[in-house]
């Protein structure tokens, strides 16, 4: 099975959250009239880490989408068998028609990326823009990224490209299907 993946460039990501907004808009997961700050659903988020003391400060930002785990805890936790890993793409998807709203998958996810839609009583999450990918397009986050910090492709091919470019894969962050990389130190 091939694993489709995102590769996040830690040197290029500036934490602008354009990917987050594009994803929300593309999937229609925000009720713009009634949303409350801090409670807006998302399929990916941007995290950052600051280092140093003034005036020598640095900040690194990165995108955290669903990791499309090899042995996904959400799949094991879902008693309704509503979460599946596609054998052709490696994408972990929630089948809304089977979801019973138990929220077990949300508690099981170590990355905190599964959301709950109370109005529909369904869990939902990043599926790497399943429909777009099957039409030969990139996920919205990779297409919308202003700094080209998000790449999309088959995981092993992305890793080979990064190696050929002399990039360092950050193994601690890249334990699952998403690859985080930067220039060597």
Protein backbone atom coordinates (compact mmCIF):
# COMPACT_ATOMS: atom_id res chain seq x y z
CA UNK A 1 0.00 0.00 0.00
CA UNK A 2 1.27 3.46 -0.81
CA UNK A 3 0.81 6.17 1.81
CA UNK A 4 -0.20 9.61 0.61
CA UNK A 5 1.30 12.24 2.84
CA UNK A 6 2.01 15.86 3.56
CA UNK A 7 5.56 17.11 4.04
CA UNK A 8 5.85 20.28 6.13
CA UNK A 9 8.89 22.55 5.69
CA UNK A 10 9.74 23.96 9.12
CA UNK A 11 11.96 26.61 7.50
CA UNK A 12 9.20 27.92 5.22
CA UNK A 13 6.11 27.75 7.46
CA UNK A 14 5.51 31.21 8.92
CA UNK A 15 2.43 30.33 10.98
CA UNK A 16 0.09 32.47 8.86
CA UNK A 17 -2.79 29.93 9.07
CA UNK A 18 -3.79 30.40 5.44
CA UNK A 19 -3.94 26.59 5.21
CA UNK A 20 -6.34 26.46 8.17
CA UNK A 21 -8.67 29.07 6.68
CA UNK A 22 -8.58 27.51 3.21
CA UNK A 23 -9.37 24.11 4.70
CA UNK A 24 -12.27 25.46 6.78
CA UNK A 25 -13.75 27.28 3.81
CA UNK A 26 -13.28 24.38 1.41
CA UNK A 27 -15.00 21.92 3.74
CA UNK A 28 -17.64 24.37 4.99
CA UNK A 29 -16.91 23.59 8.63
CA UNK A 30 -17.41 27.12 9.97
CA UNK A 31 -20.75 28.75 10.66
CA UNK A 32 -19.47 32.30 10.11
CA UNK A 33 -22.55 33.93 11.63
CA UNK A 34 -22.51 32.03 14.90
CA UNK A 35 -18.91 30.97 15.48
CA UNK A 36 -17.31 31.76 18.81
CA UNK A 37 -13.55 32.42 19.03
CA UNK A 38 -11.79 29.42 20.52
CA UNK A 39 -14.59 27.08 19.47
CA UNK A 40 -14.18 27.21 15.69
CA UNK A 41 -13.73 23.69 14.27
CA UNK A 42 -10.64 22.83 12.27
CA UNK A 43 -9.11 19.91 10.40
CA UNK A 44 -5.58 21.17 10.90
CA UNK A 45 -3.96 23.65 13.22
CA UNK A 46 -0.73 25.60 13.36
CA UNK A 47 1.56 25.25 16.36
CA UNK A 48 4.74 27.12 17.10
CA UNK A 49 7.73 27.15 19.39
CA UNK A 50 9.73 30.20 20.43
CA UNK A 51 13.36 30.00 21.48
CA UNK A 52 15.90 32.43 22.82
CA UNK A 53 15.89 35.69 24.72
CA UNK A 54 15.36 39.17 23.39
CA UNK A 55 16.87 40.36 21.07
CA UNK A 56 17.92 36.89 19.85
CA UNK A 57 14.53 35.26 19.40
CA UNK A 58 13.44 32.66 16.89
CA UNK A 59 10.12 31.02 16.21
CA UNK A 60 9.36 27.81 14.36
CA UNK A 61 5.81 27.09 13.16
CA UNK A 62 4.30 23.92 11.76
CA UNK A 63 0.98 22.53 10.58
CA UNK A 64 -0.67 19.67 12.49
CA UNK A 65 -3.20 17.79 10.35
CA UNK A 66 -4.48 14.26 10.85
CA UNK A 67 -1.39 12.08 10.81
CA UNK A 68 -3.14 9.21 8.94
CA UNK A 69 -1.45 6.84 11.37
CA UNK A 70 -0.18 3.46 10.33
CA UNK A 71 -2.04 1.76 13.20
CA UNK A 72 -4.60 4.46 13.91
CA UNK A 73 -5.91 4.56 17.48
CA UNK A 74 -9.13 6.15 16.24
CA UNK A 75 -9.89 3.11 14.09
CA UNK A 76 -9.40 0.78 17.06
CA UNK A 77 -11.55 2.99 19.32
CA UNK A 78 -14.50 3.26 16.94
CA UNK A 79 -16.98 0.54 17.91
CA UNK A 80 -19.25 1.49 14.98
CA UNK A 81 -16.43 0.71 12.52
CA UNK A 82 -16.99 4.14 10.95
CA UNK A 83 -13.27 4.89 10.57
CA UNK A 84 -11.32 3.15 7.83
CA UNK A 85 -7.83 3.32 6.34
CA UNK A 86 -8.01 3.24 2.56
CA UNK A 87 -5.81 0.46 1.21
CA UNK A 88 -4.83 2.33 -1.97
CA UNK A 89 -3.91 5.70 -0.45
CA UNK A 90 -3.32 5.12 3.27
CA UNK A 91 -5.80 7.90 4.06
CA UNK A 92 -7.76 7.44 7.29
CA UNK A 93 -11.38 8.49 6.78
CA UNK A 94 -14.49 8.78 8.92
CA UNK A 95 -17.53 7.40 7.14
CA UNK A 96 -20.22 9.83 8.30
CA UNK A 97 -23.08 7.46 7.48
CA UNK A 98 -21.71 4.92 9.99
CA UNK A 99 -20.66 7.35 12.75
CA UNK A 100 -22.88 7.09 15.84
CA UNK A 101 -21.36 10.06 17.69
CA UNK A 102 -19.80 8.16 20.60
CA UNK A 103 -16.70 10.41 20.57
CA UNK A 104 -14.47 7.45 21.42
CA UNK A 105 -12.26 8.29 18.43
CA UNK A 106 -11.77 11.86 19.67
CA UNK A 107 -10.49 10.65 23.02
CA UNK A 108 -8.28 8.02 21.37
CA UNK A 109 -6.54 10.40 18.94
CA UNK A 110 -3.10 11.29 20.34
CA UNK A 111 -2.88 14.31 18.01
CA UNK A 112 -6.17 15.96 18.97
CA UNK A 113 -7.28 16.45 15.37
CA UNK A 114 -10.72 14.84 15.34
CA UNK A 115 -13.61 17.27 15.70
CA UNK A 116 -17.22 16.73 16.74
CA UNK A 117 -20.24 18.24 15.03
CA UNK A 118 -22.91 18.35 17.73
CA UNK A 119 -25.64 19.40 15.30
CA UNK A 120 -25.10 16.29 13.18
CA UNK A 121 -23.84 14.09 16.08
CA UNK A 122 -20.85 13.06 13.97
CA UNK A 123 -17.08 13.08 14.29
CA UNK A 124 -15.12 14.56 11.40
CA UNK A 125 -11.47 15.21 10.50
CA UNK A 126 -8.91 15.79 7.77
CA UNK A 127 -9.14 13.22 5.01
CA UNK A 128 -6.39 14.85 2.89
CA UNK A 129 -9.18 16.29 0.72
CA UNK A 130 -10.21 12.81 -0.42
CA UNK A 131 -12.43 14.09 -3.24
CA UNK A 132 -9.77 16.43 -4.60
CA UNK A 133 -7.03 13.80 -4.42
CA UNK A 134 -9.14 11.34 -6.40
CA UNK A 135 -9.59 14.02 -9.08
CA UNK A 136 -5.78 14.39 -9.33
CA UNK A 137 -5.61 17.61 -7.30
CA UNK A 138 -3.63 18.51 -4.18
CA UNK A 139 -5.27 18.91 -0.78
CA UNK A 140 -6.46 22.49 -0.24
CA UNK A 141 -3.84 23.19 2.45
CA UNK A 142 -0.96 22.33 0.08
CA UNK A 143 -2.48 24.36 -2.74
CA UNK A 144 -3.23 27.44 -0.60
CA UNK A 145 0.06 27.61 1.33
CA UNK A 146 1.52 31.06 0.66
CA UNK A 147 5.12 29.98 1.27
CA UNK A 148 4.97 26.54 -0.37
CA UNK A 149 5.73 24.99 3.02
CA UNK A 150 3.29 22.09 2.45
CA UNK A 151 4.07 19.43 -0.11
CA UNK A 152 1.79 16.54 -1.04
CA UNK A 153 2.57 13.16 -2.50
CA UNK A 154 3.45 9.57 -1.80
CA UNK A 155 5.37 9.39 1.47
CA UNK A 156 8.34 7.37 0.21
CA UNK A 157 8.75 9.57 -2.86
CA UNK A 158 8.58 12.73 -0.73
CA UNK A 159 11.28 11.28 1.54
CA UNK A 160 13.51 10.50 -1.47
CA UNK A 161 13.02 14.04 -2.84
CA UNK A 162 13.86 15.58 0.53
CA UNK A 163 16.98 13.43 0.83
CA UNK A 164 18.07 14.43 -2.70
CA UNK A 165 17.61 18.10 -1.73
CA UNK A 166 19.76 17.60 1.37
CA UNK A 167 16.89 18.25 3.78
CA UNK A 168 16.79 16.82 7.30
CA UNK A 169 13.66 14.89 8.28
CA UNK A 170 12.78 15.60 11.91
CA UNK A 171 12.22 12.02 13.05
CA UNK A 172 10.70 12.93 16.42
CA UNK A 173 7.87 14.82 14.70
CA UNK A 174 7.56 12.48 11.70
CA UNK A 175 6.52 9.30 13.51
CA UNK A 176 3.39 8.79 11.40
CA UNK A 177 2.49 9.72 7.82
CA UNK A 178 3.19 13.46 7.94
CA UNK A 179 6.83 14.36 7.34
CA UNK A 180 8.39 17.40 9.00
CA UNK A 181 11.68 18.61 7.54
CA UNK A 182 14.18 21.49 7.52
CA UNK A 183 17.62 22.47 6.35
CA UNK A 184 20.34 20.59 8.22
CA UNK A 185 21.62 22.45 11.27
